[in-house]
Amino acid sequence: MSESQDTGDNGAASGGEKGQVQFRIERLFLKDSSFESPNSPEVFIKQWRPEIKVDINTRANSLGEDLQEVILTATITATLEDEMVGFIVEVQQAGIFLIQGAEPAQLSQIIGIACPNTLFPYLRESIDNLVVKGGFPALQLAQVNFEALYVQAMQEREQREQASSDGQQDSADVTTH
């Protein structure tokens, strides 16, 4: 699993400056799921060569001092050539994680990388089960590189903040002249 770091006392009862980060799964659960096949049964008599669109998002909610709820959401839409939707499936796989001793930047990384990596196999299994129960061939989602997605999101955030602060400076310059 993704458990890491120390859970015992290492003589650092005061917590020390360089306390170790503790990451533990408290609970994994299916928060929400839906499956829709708006064009059945007609879709079943067509040749099945769909275009698969996958949207994945992560969000987190603090549940108190050291607990975080992280929700990994995936929406998959399978569409045939003639724009006929075969199915739409959405799954929200969630977990409650204990995260102690993390600096804000570390906490952000754990929530954005480690937690989704832990949740993804469960999300993938739920999606596959719903698709198969809907009468369609098994759908095995490819692995997602949550670290790369996290880095990209942080870069985009920095660019937005930079553009925002540049815009504020420009407008301040305009009003002072």
Protein backbone atom coordinates (compact mmCIF):
# COMPACT_ATOMS: atom_id res chain seq x y z
CA MET A 1 0.00 0.00 0.00
CA SER A 2 1.02 3.61 0.21
CA GLU A 3 1.67 3.76 3.90
CA SER A 4 4.88 5.49 4.65
CA GLN A 5 6.92 6.92 7.43
CA ASP A 6 7.00 6.24 11.12
CA THR A 7 4.04 5.65 13.41
CA GLY A 8 5.95 5.07 16.62
CA ASP A 9 7.89 7.25 19.06
CA ASN A 10 11.54 7.68 18.10
CA GLY A 11 12.56 9.58 21.17
CA ALA A 12 11.08 12.75 19.65
CA ALA A 13 8.25 13.22 22.11
CA SER A 14 8.38 16.97 21.59
CA GLY A 15 7.89 16.53 17.85
CA GLY A 16 11.24 18.11 16.98
CA GLU A 17 11.87 20.48 14.08
CA LYS A 18 12.36 17.71 11.55
CA GLY A 19 9.46 15.45 12.54
CA GLN A 20 8.62 12.71 10.12
CA VAL A 21 5.55 12.88 7.96
CA GLN A 22 2.96 10.24 8.72
CA PHE A 23 0.59 9.15 5.94
CA ARG A 24 -2.07 6.55 6.62
CA ILE A 25 -5.24 5.43 4.90
CA GLU A 26 -8.12 5.60 7.34
CA ARG A 27 -10.91 4.59 4.96
CA LEU A 28 -11.53 4.10 1.24
CA PHE A 29 -15.06 4.35 -0.12
CA LEU A 30 -17.16 4.83 -3.22
CA LYS A 31 -18.71 8.26 -2.77
CA ASP A 32 -20.83 8.34 -5.94
CA SER A 33 -21.25 6.48 -9.20
CA SER A 34 -23.51 6.69 -12.20
CA PHE A 35 -23.85 4.88 -15.48
CA GLU A 36 -25.96 5.97 -18.42
CA SER A 37 -26.44 4.39 -21.82
CA PRO A 38 -28.75 6.92 -23.49
CA ASN A 39 -28.84 5.15 -26.86
CA SER A 40 -29.41 1.58 -25.80
CA PRO A 41 -30.44 -0.79 -27.24
CA GLU A 42 -29.60 0.81 -30.63
CA VAL A 43 -25.95 1.22 -29.68
CA PHE A 44 -25.61 -2.56 -29.29
CA ILE A 45 -26.37 -3.24 -32.96
CA LYS A 46 -23.68 -0.83 -34.18
CA GLN A 47 -20.03 -1.76 -34.64
CA TRP A 48 -18.31 -0.94 -31.34
CA ARG A 49 -15.32 1.29 -32.10
CA PRO A 50 -15.86 4.18 -29.72
CA GLU A 51 -13.88 7.31 -29.08
CA ILE A 52 -13.25 7.32 -25.34
CA LYS A 53 -13.01 10.68 -23.56
CA VAL A 54 -11.66 10.62 -20.00
CA ASP A 55 -11.83 13.55 -17.56
CA ILE A 56 -10.17 13.11 -14.17
CA ASN A 57 -10.27 15.59 -11.29
CA THR A 58 -9.18 15.59 -7.67
CA ARG A 59 -10.48 17.65 -4.79
CA ALA A 60 -9.83 17.59 -1.07
CA ASN A 61 -11.68 18.61 2.06
CA SER A 62 -10.12 19.02 5.48
CA LEU A 63 -11.96 16.94 8.08
CA GLY A 64 -10.17 18.33 11.06
CA GLU A 65 -6.70 18.55 12.43
CA ASP A 66 -4.85 15.83 10.49
CA LEU A 67 -7.60 14.19 8.40
CA GLN A 68 -8.21 14.90 4.74
CA GLU A 69 -10.96 13.58 2.51
CA VAL A 70 -9.64 13.26 -1.04
CA ILE A 71 -12.08 12.59 -3.88
CA LEU A 72 -10.87 11.33 -7.24
CA THR A 73 -13.55 11.80 -9.90
CA ALA A 74 -13.49 10.31 -13.39
CA THR A 75 -16.04 10.85 -16.13
CA ILE A 76 -15.75 8.61 -19.18
CA THR A 77 -17.79 9.14 -22.32
CA ALA A 78 -17.78 6.59 -25.15
CA THR A 79 -19.00 7.99 -28.46
CA LEU A 80 -19.35 6.25 -31.81
CA GLU A 81 -18.43 7.82 -35.17
CA ASP A 82 -21.96 9.03 -35.84
CA GLU A 83 -21.92 11.00 -32.55
CA MET A 84 -24.05 8.35 -30.85
CA VAL A 85 -23.17 8.16 -27.16
CA GLY A 86 -22.61 4.58 -26.09
CA PHE A 87 -22.24 5.31 -22.41
CA ILE A 88 -21.33 7.89 -19.84
CA VAL A 89 -19.93 6.69 -16.55
CA GLU A 90 -18.89 8.83 -13.60
CA VAL A 91 -17.27 7.56 -10.44
CA GLN A 92 -16.18 9.42 -7.34
CA GLN A 93 -13.72 7.29 -5.38
CA ALA A 94 -12.84 8.81 -2.04
CA GLY A 95 -10.61 8.21 0.89
CA ILE A 96 -9.96 9.59 4.32
CA PHE A 97 -6.26 9.99 4.96
CA LEU A 98 -4.36 10.80 8.12
CA ILE A 99 -1.52 13.17 7.26
CA GLN A 100 0.60 14.39 10.17
CA GLY A 101 3.77 16.43 10.34
CA ALA A 102 3.63 17.76 6.78
CA GLU A 103 4.57 21.31 5.85
CA PRO A 104 1.95 23.06 3.65
CA ALA A 105 3.91 22.30 0.44
CA GLN A 106 4.33 18.65 1.47
CA LEU A 107 0.64 18.40 2.36
CA SER A 108 -0.29 19.76 -1.06
CA GLN A 109 1.93 17.17 -2.76
CA ILE A 110 0.58 14.30 -0.69
CA ILE A 111 -3.01 15.33 -1.44
CA GLY A 112 -2.23 15.91 -5.13
CA ILE A 113 -0.03 12.88 -5.80
CA ALA A 114 -0.01 10.15 -3.13
CA CYS A 115 -3.73 10.16 -2.36
CA PRO A 116 -4.90 9.98 -6.02
CA ASN A 117 -2.32 7.24 -6.68
CA THR A 118 -3.85 5.29 -3.80
CA LEU A 119 -7.44 5.85 -5.00
CA PHE A 120 -6.92 5.24 -8.72
CA PRO A 121 -6.94 1.40 -8.74
CA TYR A 122 -10.28 1.40 -6.89
CA LEU A 123 -11.71 4.02 -9.25
CA ARG A 124 -10.54 2.03 -12.29
CA GLU A 125 -12.14 -1.16 -10.95
CA SER A 126 -15.46 0.59 -10.26
CA ILE A 127 -15.54 2.06 -13.76
CA ASP A 128 -14.77 -1.29 -15.36
CA ASN A 129 -17.49 -3.02 -13.32
CA LEU A 130 -20.13 -0.44 -14.29
CA VAL A 131 -19.20 -0.58 -17.98
CA VAL A 132 -19.34 -4.38 -18.06
CA LYS A 133 -22.65 -4.45 -16.16
CA GLY A 134 -23.96 -1.97 -18.74
CA GLY A 135 -23.36 -4.58 -21.46
CA PHE A 136 -20.20 -3.11 -22.95
CA PRO A 137 -16.70 -4.60 -23.32
CA ALA A 138 -14.37 -4.21 -20.35
CA LEU A 139 -12.70 -0.83 -20.06
CA GLN A 140 -9.28 -0.78 -18.45
CA LEU A 141 -8.14 2.81 -17.96
CA ALA A 142 -4.44 3.45 -18.49
CA GLN A 143 -2.39 4.44 -15.47
CA VAL A 144 -2.35 8.17 -14.75
CA ASN A 145 0.82 10.05 -13.80
CA PHE A 146 -0.55 12.16 -10.96
CA GLU A 147 2.89 13.61 -10.23
CA ALA A 148 3.12 15.09 -13.75
CA LEU A 149 -0.46 16.39 -13.49
CA TYR A 150 0.34 17.98 -10.12
CA VAL A 151 3.48 19.67 -11.46
CA GLN A 152 1.54 20.95 -14.48
CA ALA A 153 -1.25 22.31 -12.25
CA MET A 154 1.28 24.09 -10.02
CA GLN A 155 2.99 25.65 -13.06
CA GLU A 156 -0.36 26.83 -14.42
CA ARG A 157 -1.24 28.29 -11.03
CA GLU A 158 2.07 30.17 -10.89
CA GLN A 159 1.50 31.55 -14.39
CA ARG A 160 -2.02 32.71 -13.47
CA GLU A 161 -0.74 34.35 -10.28
CA GLN A 162 2.10 36.00 -12.20
CA ALA A 163 -0.29 37.26 -14.89
CA SER A 164 -2.66 38.48 -12.19
CA SER A 165 0.07 40.36 -10.33
CA ASP A 166 1.45 41.76 -13.62
CA GLY A 167 -2.03 42.96 -14.51
CA GLN A 168 -2.40 44.64 -11.13
CA GLN A 169 0.99 46.33 -11.50
CA ASP A 170 0.11 47.52 -14.99
CA SER A 171 -3.18 48.97 -13.86
CA ALA A 172 -1.45 50.58 -10.87
CA ASP A 173 1.12 52.12 -13.22
CA VAL A 174 -1.62 53.43 -15.48
CA THR A 175 -3.48 55.09 -12.61
CA THR A 176 -0.35 56.77 -11.19
CA HIS A 177 0.68 58.41 -14.48
